[in-house]
Amino acid sequence: MKAFFNNQWVWITSIGFSEKMNYGQQARLLTLNAFTIISILILITWMIVFASLGWHQGFKALFLMPIFVTVLILNASHKFRYSKFLFIYGVLLIVFVMTLADRRTGIEYLLMATACSSVLIFESVLAIITTFFIAAGSYMFYAWFDTVHPFVEDPLMPYSIVKQTFLFISVFMVMIQSALFRSIINTFGKKLESTNHELKASNQELLTLKDQLDWIVKQKSTELKSYMDAIDIHVYSAVIDRTGKILKANVPFLHAVGYSKEELIGQNFEILNSGYHSKLFFKELYRRISDGQTWRGEIQEKTKSGNLIWTDSVVLPLTQQKFPSNYYLILSLPITQRKIVENERIKASNILETIAFRTSHKIRGPLVRLLGLTDLVQKGMIRQEELSFIASNILQAGRDLDTYTSELTQYVNERQKTFATNPLGS
């Protein structure tokens, strides 16, 4: 039974409660609901007691009931801002009118009891002070009014009982306020304690997570440093701006192109242009990186000494969120030896094709004639008078064969010299 009434009390005092409110607003809402419910219960008790005593003047207090009901409706509609003003100033107004209508009954005590309620309901100090001034002013006006206007006692009213009753109600209201305030403090104290435990647990988890993250960051930083060291040792890297001006270059890149850092930084990348690639090639490169895309390809470059080198390069825009990139990172791997091998293979293939052509067209002809005539002589198919002619043809075929083999030897020697002087074939 106790649990049932406790649940009902919690439910009715939580009218209009929202988790979006801060703790102060929640406490004031619960207090206002509790005051309203207790006031309704006191009002009903008041009606029953004074009705049994035969004093029907007490039914004037029923004017307070619409105020209490409206306060609960406003709270249910989440209009706490209006309900708290209606409760305090509405009750003050009704009590003040009742004080003037039924003098010396002790109703005036309710003015200060209501003002005390504002301490727990209003958030603004100015609103609390204003309420106390209004209550005090109303009480002083009542005292002046009672002094100036003659008072005639109602023979049917039990003044001593009524006065004691209102005094008890006023004291009871202040006591209820203190009890509610203490209850709210305890409730929110427990919530804060629970929240504090949760925060401590969360803080411990965060500390553990922080340690783990620190360890991960340290590990990744070490890995990243290893990658960067590897890049600085084995990969050419440089940074250029939108105009192609070189802003940064690592040591391997400087060694590859033969320039010092002072000579290269600030120069345009065109200083390394070998002239091998067309303007269309570079136009397409700059178009892609200007659009924020990555470009990759093989580029032939010219060193300070005039030597030609090849690199397999990637150009990455260094993006800055949504803004266009103003800087680009160039990462390159040296492939000069590979290009030399490829070029030699192509040249060797061309030479072999040329040798095969010359062998089949120039050397094969005289050789076939020579073999054919020799075969005829060997078989005795040549008459005596034809020997001079056959000998002349064999001699000519031998001379042609000697000429063509000399030309072939000279061609091979020339190609070997070209390999030695220009391995890249440009």
Protein backbone atom coordinates (compact mmCIF):
# COMPACT_ATOMS: atom_id res chain seq x y z
CA MET A 1 0.00 0.00 0.00
CA LYS A 2 2.81 2.33 0.92
CA ALA A 3 4.53 1.59 -2.37
CA PHE A 4 1.30 2.33 -4.26
CA PHE A 5 0.83 5.75 -2.66
CA ASN A 6 4.52 6.50 -3.10
CA ASN A 7 4.29 5.69 -6.83
CA GLN A 8 1.19 7.82 -7.18
CA TRP A 9 2.89 10.71 -5.39
CA VAL A 10 5.94 10.46 -7.63
CA TRP A 11 3.73 10.32 -10.71
CA ILE A 12 1.59 13.33 -9.84
CA THR A 13 4.52 15.50 -8.70
CA SER A 14 6.33 14.70 -11.96
CA ILE A 15 3.70 16.35 -14.14
CA GLY A 16 5.50 18.26 -16.92
CA PHE A 17 8.88 16.73 -16.01
CA SER A 18 11.42 16.71 -18.84
CA GLU A 19 14.97 15.38 -19.04
CA LYS A 20 15.83 18.45 -21.12
CA MET A 21 15.46 20.61 -17.98
CA ASN A 22 18.51 21.26 -15.84
CA TYR A 23 18.55 20.08 -12.24
CA GLY A 24 17.40 23.47 -10.92
CA GLN A 25 14.37 23.58 -13.21
CA GLN A 26 13.47 19.98 -12.40
CA ALA A 27 13.65 20.69 -8.65
CA ARG A 28 11.44 23.79 -8.94
CA LEU A 29 8.88 21.95 -11.06
CA LEU A 30 8.65 19.07 -8.56
CA THR A 31 8.33 21.60 -5.72
CA LEU A 32 5.53 23.52 -7.44
CA ASN A 33 3.61 20.32 -8.19
CA ALA A 34 4.01 19.20 -4.57
CA PHE A 35 2.86 22.61 -3.23
CA THR A 36 -0.16 22.52 -5.53
CA ILE A 37 -1.22 18.99 -4.54
CA ILE A 38 -0.72 19.70 -0.81
CA SER A 39 -2.64 22.99 -1.17
CA ILE A 40 -5.53 21.12 -2.81
CA LEU A 41 -5.55 18.58 0.04
CA ILE A 42 -5.41 21.38 2.66
CA LEU A 43 -8.23 23.19 0.87
CA ILE A 44 -10.44 20.09 0.86
CA THR A 45 -9.66 19.46 4.55
CA TRP A 46 -10.47 23.13 5.25
CA MET A 47 -13.88 22.78 3.58
CA ILE A 48 -14.74 19.63 5.50
CA VAL A 49 -13.68 21.03 8.90
CA PHE A 50 -15.43 24.39 8.64
CA ALA A 51 -18.50 22.90 7.03
CA SER A 52 -18.81 20.63 10.08
CA LEU A 53 -18.47 23.71 12.32
CA GLY A 54 -21.27 25.45 10.43
CA TRP A 55 -19.10 28.35 9.24
CA HIS A 56 -19.97 28.70 5.59
CA GLN A 57 -17.83 31.81 5.08
CA GLY A 58 -14.88 29.45 4.70
CA PHE A 59 -16.16 28.34 1.29
CA LYS A 60 -14.65 31.55 -0.12
CA ALA A 61 -11.39 29.64 -0.19
CA LEU A 62 -12.81 27.59 -3.09
CA PHE A 63 -11.71 30.46 -5.35
CA LEU A 64 -8.20 29.01 -4.93
CA MET A 65 -9.17 25.69 -6.55
CA PRO A 66 -9.24 26.97 -10.20
CA ILE A 67 -5.75 28.41 -9.67
CA PHE A 68 -4.36 25.09 -8.43
CA VAL A 69 -5.98 23.12 -11.26
CA THR A 70 -4.74 25.61 -13.89
CA VAL A 71 -1.20 25.36 -12.48
CA LEU A 72 -1.21 21.58 -12.97
CA ILE A 73 -2.59 21.96 -16.52
CA LEU A 74 0.11 24.49 -17.42
CA ASN A 75 2.82 22.22 -16.03
CA ALA A 76 1.44 19.29 -18.03
CA SER A 77 1.70 21.53 -21.11
CA HIS A 78 5.33 22.33 -20.23
CA LYS A 79 4.49 25.96 -19.51
CA PHE A 80 6.25 26.09 -16.16
CA ARG A 81 7.23 29.70 -16.73
CA TYR A 82 3.58 30.80 -16.49
CA SER A 83 2.38 28.30 -13.88
CA LYS A 84 4.82 29.43 -11.19
CA PHE A 85 3.75 33.08 -11.52
CA LEU A 86 0.08 32.04 -11.49
CA PHE A 87 0.57 29.99 -8.31
CA ILE A 88 2.40 32.66 -6.29
CA TYR A 89 0.62 35.81 -7.40
CA GLY A 90 -2.79 34.16 -7.89
CA VAL A 91 -2.73 32.77 -4.33
CA LEU A 92 -1.46 36.10 -2.95
CA LEU A 93 -4.34 37.94 -4.65
CA ILE A 94 -7.07 35.56 -3.41
CA VAL A 95 -5.62 35.45 0.11
CA PHE A 96 -5.35 39.26 0.20
CA VAL A 97 -9.01 39.64 -0.79
CA MET A 98 -10.03 37.03 1.82
CA THR A 99 -7.92 38.85 4.42
CA LEU A 100 -9.82 42.09 3.85
CA ALA A 101 -13.18 40.30 3.71
CA ASP A 102 -12.69 38.21 6.86
CA ARG A 103 -10.53 40.26 9.17
CA ARG A 104 -8.84 38.97 12.32
CA THR A 105 -9.21 35.36 11.29
CA GLY A 106 -5.48 34.75 10.78
CA ILE A 107 -5.76 34.52 6.99
CA GLU A 108 -3.12 37.22 6.79
CA TYR A 109 -0.55 34.66 7.98
CA LEU A 110 -0.92 32.90 4.63
CA LEU A 111 0.49 35.97 2.87
CA MET A 112 3.95 35.44 4.33
CA ALA A 113 3.69 31.64 4.02
CA THR A 114 2.98 32.06 0.30
CA ALA A 115 5.89 34.50 -0.05
CA CYS A 116 8.16 31.90 1.54
CA SER A 117 7.10 29.45 -1.18
CA SER A 118 8.59 31.73 -3.82
CA VAL A 119 12.09 30.93 -2.55
CA LEU A 120 11.75 27.33 -3.82
CA ILE A 121 9.73 28.12 -6.95
CA PHE A 122 11.33 31.21 -8.48
CA GLU A 123 14.78 31.10 -9.98
CA SER A 124 15.32 34.84 -10.13
CA VAL A 125 16.36 36.58 -6.89
CA LEU A 126 14.56 39.70 -8.11
CA ALA A 127 11.29 37.75 -8.44
CA ILE A 128 11.69 36.39 -4.88
CA ILE A 129 12.39 39.85 -3.40
CA THR A 130 9.47 41.31 -5.36
CA THR A 131 7.15 38.61 -3.98
CA PHE A 132 8.20 39.34 -0.40
CA PHE A 133 7.66 43.08 -0.93
CA ILE A 134 4.18 42.42 -2.33
CA ALA A 135 3.33 40.10 0.57
CA ALA A 136 4.70 42.54 3.16
CA GLY A 137 2.92 45.45 1.47
CA SER A 138 -0.34 43.52 1.43
CA TYR A 139 0.02 42.69 5.12
CA MET A 140 0.74 46.33 6.02
CA PHE A 141 -2.23 47.48 3.95
CA TYR A 142 -4.41 44.98 5.83
CA ALA A 143 -3.08 46.26 9.18
CA TRP A 144 -3.83 49.85 8.15
CA PHE A 145 -7.25 48.88 6.80
CA ASP A 146 -8.13 47.04 10.04
CA THR A 147 -7.09 50.05 12.09
CA VAL A 148 -8.98 52.63 10.06
CA HIS A 149 -12.24 50.75 9.48
CA PRO A 150 -14.37 49.62 12.42
CA PHE A 151 -14.56 45.88 12.92
CA VAL A 152 -17.78 44.07 13.75
CA GLU A 153 -17.41 40.46 14.81
CA ASP A 154 -19.49 37.74 13.20
CA PRO A 155 -21.26 35.96 16.06
CA LEU A 156 -21.29 32.69 14.05
CA MET A 157 -17.53 32.62 13.46
CA PRO A 158 -15.28 30.80 15.95
CA TYR A 159 -12.50 33.36 15.70
CA SER A 160 -10.09 31.65 18.07
CA ILE A 161 -10.41 28.30 16.27
CA VAL A 162 -10.15 29.89 12.82
CA LYS A 163 -7.15 31.98 13.78
CA GLN A 164 -5.36 29.02 15.30
CA THR A 165 -6.23 26.97 12.23
CA PHE A 166 -4.76 29.50 9.82
CA LEU A 167 -1.71 29.88 12.02
CA PHE A 168 -1.30 26.11 11.95
CA ILE A 169 -1.79 26.04 8.17
CA SER A 170 0.82 28.77 7.69
CA VAL A 171 3.31 27.00 9.93
CA PHE A 172 2.48 23.70 8.21
CA MET A 173 3.11 25.28 4.78
CA VAL A 174 6.54 26.53 5.88
CA MET A 175 7.29 23.10 7.38
CA ILE A 176 6.19 21.39 4.16
CA GLN A 177 8.45 23.72 2.20
CA SER A 178 11.40 22.78 4.38
CA ALA A 179 10.55 19.09 4.11
CA LEU A 180 10.18 19.30 0.35
CA PHE A 181 13.39 21.24 0.08
CA ARG A 182 15.17 18.61 2.16
CA SER A 183 13.63 15.79 0.11
CA ILE A 184 14.63 17.42 -3.15
CA ILE A 185 18.16 18.00 -1.89
CA ASN A 186 18.42 14.35 -0.85
CA THR A 187 16.98 13.14 -4.17
CA PHE A 188 19.26 15.23 -6.30
CA GLY A 189 22.13 14.55 -3.94
CA LYS A 190 21.70 10.84 -4.61
CA LYS A 191 21.47 11.54 -8.33
CA LEU A 192 24.61 13.63 -8.17
CA GLU A 193 26.36 10.96 -6.14
CA SER A 194 25.30 8.31 -8.67
CA THR A 195 26.38 10.58 -11.49
CA ASN A 196 29.66 11.20 -9.71
CA HIS A 197 30.29 7.45 -9.47
CA GLU A 198 29.45 7.08 -13.15
CA LEU A 199 31.76 9.97 -14.00
CA LYS A 200 34.55 8.39 -11.97
CA ALA A 201 34.02 5.09 -13.78
CA SER A 202 33.88 6.90 -17.13
CA ASN A 203 36.94 8.91 -16.20
CA GLN A 204 38.81 5.69 -15.39
CA GLU A 205 37.72 4.23 -18.72
CA LEU A 206 38.83 7.42 -20.47
CA LEU A 207 42.20 7.26 -18.72
CA THR A 208 42.60 3.65 -19.79
CA LEU A 209 41.52 4.56 -23.32
CA LYS A 210 43.90 7.53 -23.29
CA ASP A 211 46.79 5.26 -22.32
CA GLN A 212 45.85 2.86 -25.10
CA LEU A 213 45.55 5.71 -27.60
CA ASP A 214 48.88 7.14 -26.45
CA TRP A 215 50.49 3.74 -26.99
CA ILE A 216 48.85 3.39 -30.42
CA VAL A 217 49.89 6.93 -31.41
CA LYS A 218 53.42 6.23 -30.22
CA GLN A 219 53.55 3.01 -32.22
CA LYS A 220 52.08 4.64 -35.31
CA SER A 221 54.42 7.61 -34.93
CA THR A 222 57.35 5.22 -34.82
CA GLU A 223 56.03 3.42 -37.89
CA LEU A 224 55.43 6.72 -39.66
CA LYS A 225 58.93 7.90 -38.82
CA SER A 226 60.30 4.64 -40.22
CA TYR A 227 58.27 5.16 -43.40
CA MET A 228 59.46 8.76 -43.67
CA ASP A 229 63.07 7.69 -43.11
CA ALA A 230 62.66 5.04 -45.80
CA ILE A 231 61.19 7.65 -48.15
CA ASP A 232 64.04 10.06 -47.46
CA ILE A 233 66.57 7.32 -48.21
CA HIS A 234 65.05 5.52 -51.18
CA VAL A 235 62.45 7.85 -52.71
CA TYR A 236 62.88 11.23 -54.38
CA SER A 237 60.45 13.76 -52.94
CA ALA A 238 59.75 17.41 -53.64
CA VAL A 239 57.01 19.96 -53.00
CA ILE A 240 55.96 22.52 -55.61
CA ASP A 241 53.32 25.25 -55.70
CA ARG A 242 50.69 25.94 -58.38
CA THR A 243 53.22 27.80 -60.52
CA GLY A 244 55.69 24.90 -60.47
CA LYS A 245 58.15 26.60 -58.10
CA ILE A 246 60.15 24.09 -56.06
CA LEU A 247 59.61 24.70 -52.33
CA LYS A 248 61.16 21.62 -50.82
CA ALA A 249 63.34 18.69 -51.95
CA ASN A 250 64.90 15.81 -50.05
CA VAL A 251 68.55 14.76 -50.21
CA PRO A 252 68.11 11.80 -52.64
CA PHE A 253 66.31 14.08 -55.09
CA LEU A 254 69.06 16.69 -54.87
CA HIS A 255 71.74 14.04 -55.44
CA ALA A 256 69.86 12.60 -58.42
CA VAL A 257 69.52 15.94 -60.26
CA GLY A 258 72.98 17.19 -59.22
CA TYR A 259 71.83 20.50 -57.73
CA SER A 260 72.44 21.78 -54.22
CA LYS A 261 69.53 22.83 -52.04
CA GLU A 262 70.37 26.50 -52.47
CA GLU A 263 70.54 26.13 -56.26
CA LEU A 264 67.25 24.26 -56.64
CA ILE A 265 64.83 25.71 -54.05
CA GLY A 266 62.90 28.59 -55.56
CA GLN A 267 63.55 27.47 -59.14
CA ASN A 268 60.75 26.37 -61.45
CA PHE A 269 60.45 22.66 -62.11
CA GLU A 270 61.06 23.48 -65.79
CA ILE A 271 64.77 23.59 -64.93
CA LEU A 272 64.68 19.78 -65.04
CA ASN A 273 62.78 19.55 -68.34
CA SER A 274 64.69 17.34 -70.76
CA GLY A 275 62.57 18.29 -73.76
CA TYR A 276 61.56 14.66 -74.26
CA HIS A 277 57.91 15.16 -73.37
CA SER A 278 55.44 17.26 -75.36
CA LYS A 279 53.57 20.30 -74.06
CA LEU A 280 50.36 18.25 -74.22
CA PHE A 281 51.92 15.77 -71.76
CA PHE A 282 52.50 18.46 -69.12
CA LYS A 283 49.18 20.15 -69.86
CA GLU A 284 47.33 16.94 -69.03
CA LEU A 285 49.44 16.47 -65.88
CA TYR A 286 48.62 19.94 -64.53
CA ARG A 287 44.95 19.58 -65.46
CA ARG A 288 44.58 16.44 -63.38
CA ILE A 289 46.34 17.73 -60.27
CA SER A 290 44.51 21.08 -60.49
CA ASP A 291 41.25 19.11 -60.33
CA GLY A 292 42.45 17.50 -57.11
CA GLN A 293 43.31 14.18 -58.76
CA THR A 294 46.49 12.16 -58.41
CA TRP A 295 48.74 11.80 -61.47
CA ARG A 296 51.19 8.98 -62.07
CA GLY A 297 53.56 8.42 -64.95
CA GLU A 298 57.15 8.12 -66.14
CA ILE A 299 59.10 11.34 -66.65
CA GLN A 300 62.47 11.94 -68.25
CA GLU A 301 64.45 14.72 -66.52
CA LYS A 302 67.74 16.46 -67.19
CA THR A 303 70.33 16.80 -64.42
CA LYS A 304 72.57 19.77 -63.83
CA SER A 305 75.38 18.07 -65.76
CA GLY A 306 73.08 17.42 -68.72
CA ASN A 307 72.61 13.70 -68.12
CA LEU A 308 69.17 12.23 -68.64
CA ILE A 309 67.39 10.27 -65.93
CA TRP A 310 64.01 8.56 -65.76
CA THR A 311 61.67 8.46 -62.76
CA ASP A 312 58.38 6.72 -62.02
CA SER A 313 56.55 9.65 -60.40
CA VAL A 314 53.34 10.30 -58.46
CA VAL A 315 52.05 13.88 -58.04
CA LEU A 316 49.66 14.33 -55.09
CA PRO A 317 47.64 17.50 -54.42
CA LEU A 318 48.05 18.58 -50.79
CA THR A 319 44.37 19.31 -50.22
CA GLN A 320 43.08 21.66 -47.51
CA GLN A 321 39.50 20.46 -46.81
CA LYS A 322 37.17 22.07 -49.36
CA PHE A 323 39.69 24.62 -50.64
CA PRO A 324 41.62 24.14 -53.91
CA SER A 325 45.11 22.76 -53.49
CA ASN A 326 47.94 25.26 -53.73
CA TYR A 327 50.75 22.76 -53.17
CA TYR A 328 51.68 19.41 -54.66
CA LEU A 329 53.87 16.57 -53.42
CA ILE A 330 56.02 14.71 -55.94
CA LEU A 331 57.22 11.21 -55.03
CA SER A 332 59.53 9.47 -57.50
CA LEU A 333 61.44 6.23 -57.86
CA PRO A 334 64.56 6.06 -60.11
CA ILE A 335 63.98 3.84 -63.15
CA THR A 336 66.88 4.95 -65.36
CA GLN A 337 68.51 1.51 -65.39
CA ARG A 338 65.23 -0.12 -66.24
CA LYS A 339 64.69 2.32 -69.11
CA ILE A 340 68.24 1.61 -70.35
CA VAL A 341 67.55 -2.11 -70.37
CA GLU A 342 64.22 -1.56 -72.12
CA ASN A 343 65.87 0.68 -74.71
CA GLU A 344 68.68 -1.78 -75.30
CA ARG A 345 66.17 -4.55 -75.74
CA ILE A 346 64.29 -2.49 -78.31
CA LYS A 347 67.50 -1.58 -80.15
CA ALA A 348 68.71 -5.16 -80.06
CA SER A 349 65.39 -6.27 -81.45
CA ASN A 350 65.66 -3.70 -84.26
CA ILE A 351 69.23 -4.81 -85.04
CA LEU A 352 68.21 -8.44 -85.18
CA GLU A 353 65.38 -7.58 -87.51
CA THR A 354 67.80 -5.65 -89.75
CA ILE A 355 70.32 -8.50 -89.70
CA ALA A 356 67.60 -11.01 -90.52
CA PHE A 357 66.42 -8.82 -93.40
CA ARG A 358 69.89 -8.33 -94.85
CA THR A 359 70.76 -11.98 -94.37
CA SER A 360 67.63 -13.17 -96.20
CA HIS A 361 67.78 -10.60 -99.01
CA LYS A 362 71.47 -9.86 -99.68
CA ILE A 363 73.55 -12.70 -98.26
CA ARG A 364 71.13 -15.52 -99.01
CA GLY A 365 71.02 -14.68 -102.80
CA PRO A 366 74.78 -15.00 -103.52
CA LEU A 367 74.98 -17.97 -101.17
CA VAL A 368 72.21 -19.81 -103.01
CA ARG A 369 73.90 -19.13 -106.37
CA LEU A 370 77.22 -20.32 -105.06
CA LEU A 371 75.75 -23.54 -103.67
CA GLY A 372 73.76 -24.19 -106.86
CA LEU A 373 76.74 -23.81 -109.22
CA THR A 374 78.98 -25.89 -106.97
CA ASP A 375 76.39 -28.65 -106.94
CA LEU A 376 76.22 -28.68 -110.75
CA VAL A 377 80.01 -28.97 -111.02
CA GLN A 378 80.07 -31.74 -108.41
CA LYS A 379 77.48 -33.76 -110.31
CA GLY A 380 79.37 -33.39 -113.63
CA MET A 381 76.52 -31.62 -115.29
CA ILE A 382 78.74 -28.82 -116.69
CA ARG A 383 80.28 -29.14 -120.12
CA GLN A 384 83.87 -28.23 -120.74
CA GLU A 385 83.07 -25.06 -122.63
CA GLU A 386 80.78 -23.84 -119.73
CA LEU A 387 83.42 -24.06 -116.99
CA SER A 388 84.76 -20.56 -117.63
CA PHE A 389 81.26 -19.08 -117.34
CA ILE A 390 80.51 -21.07 -114.18
CA ALA A 391 83.80 -20.06 -112.60
CA SER A 392 83.08 -16.41 -113.34
CA ASN A 393 79.62 -16.66 -111.66
CA ILE A 394 81.06 -18.45 -108.61
CA LEU A 395 83.69 -15.71 -108.27
CA GLN A 396 81.02 -12.97 -108.50
CA ALA A 397 78.82 -14.69 -105.95
CA GLY A 398 81.79 -14.94 -103.59
CA ARG A 399 82.56 -11.23 -104.07
CA ASP A 400 78.90 -10.28 -103.44
CA LEU A 401 78.87 -12.44 -100.32
CA ASP A 402 82.06 -10.78 -99.07
CA THR A 403 80.63 -7.30 -99.70
CA TYR A 404 77.36 -8.00 -97.91
CA THR A 405 79.05 -9.61 -94.89
CA SER A 406 81.37 -6.58 -94.61
CA GLU A 407 78.37 -4.23 -94.67
CA LEU A 408 76.65 -6.33 -92.01
CA THR A 409 79.75 -6.28 -89.81
CA GLN A 410 80.01 -2.50 -90.18
CA TYR A 411 76.31 -2.07 -89.26
CA VAL A 412 76.69 -4.14 -86.09
CA ASN A 413 79.79 -2.16 -85.06
CA GLU A 414 77.98 1.16 -85.58
CA ARG A 415 75.06 0.00 -83.43
CA GLN A 416 77.41 -1.01 -80.64
CA LYS A 417 78.97 2.47 -80.65
CA THR A 418 75.47 4.03 -80.43
CA PHE A 419 74.67 1.88 -77.37
CA ALA A 420 77.84 3.01 -75.67
CA THR A 421 77.32 6.74 -76.28
CA ASN A 422 73.52 6.97 -75.85
CA PRO A 423 72.05 4.14 -73.78
CA LEU A 424 68.63 5.87 -73.38
CA GLY A 425 68.33 6.36 -77.14
CA SER A 426 67.05 9.92 -76.97
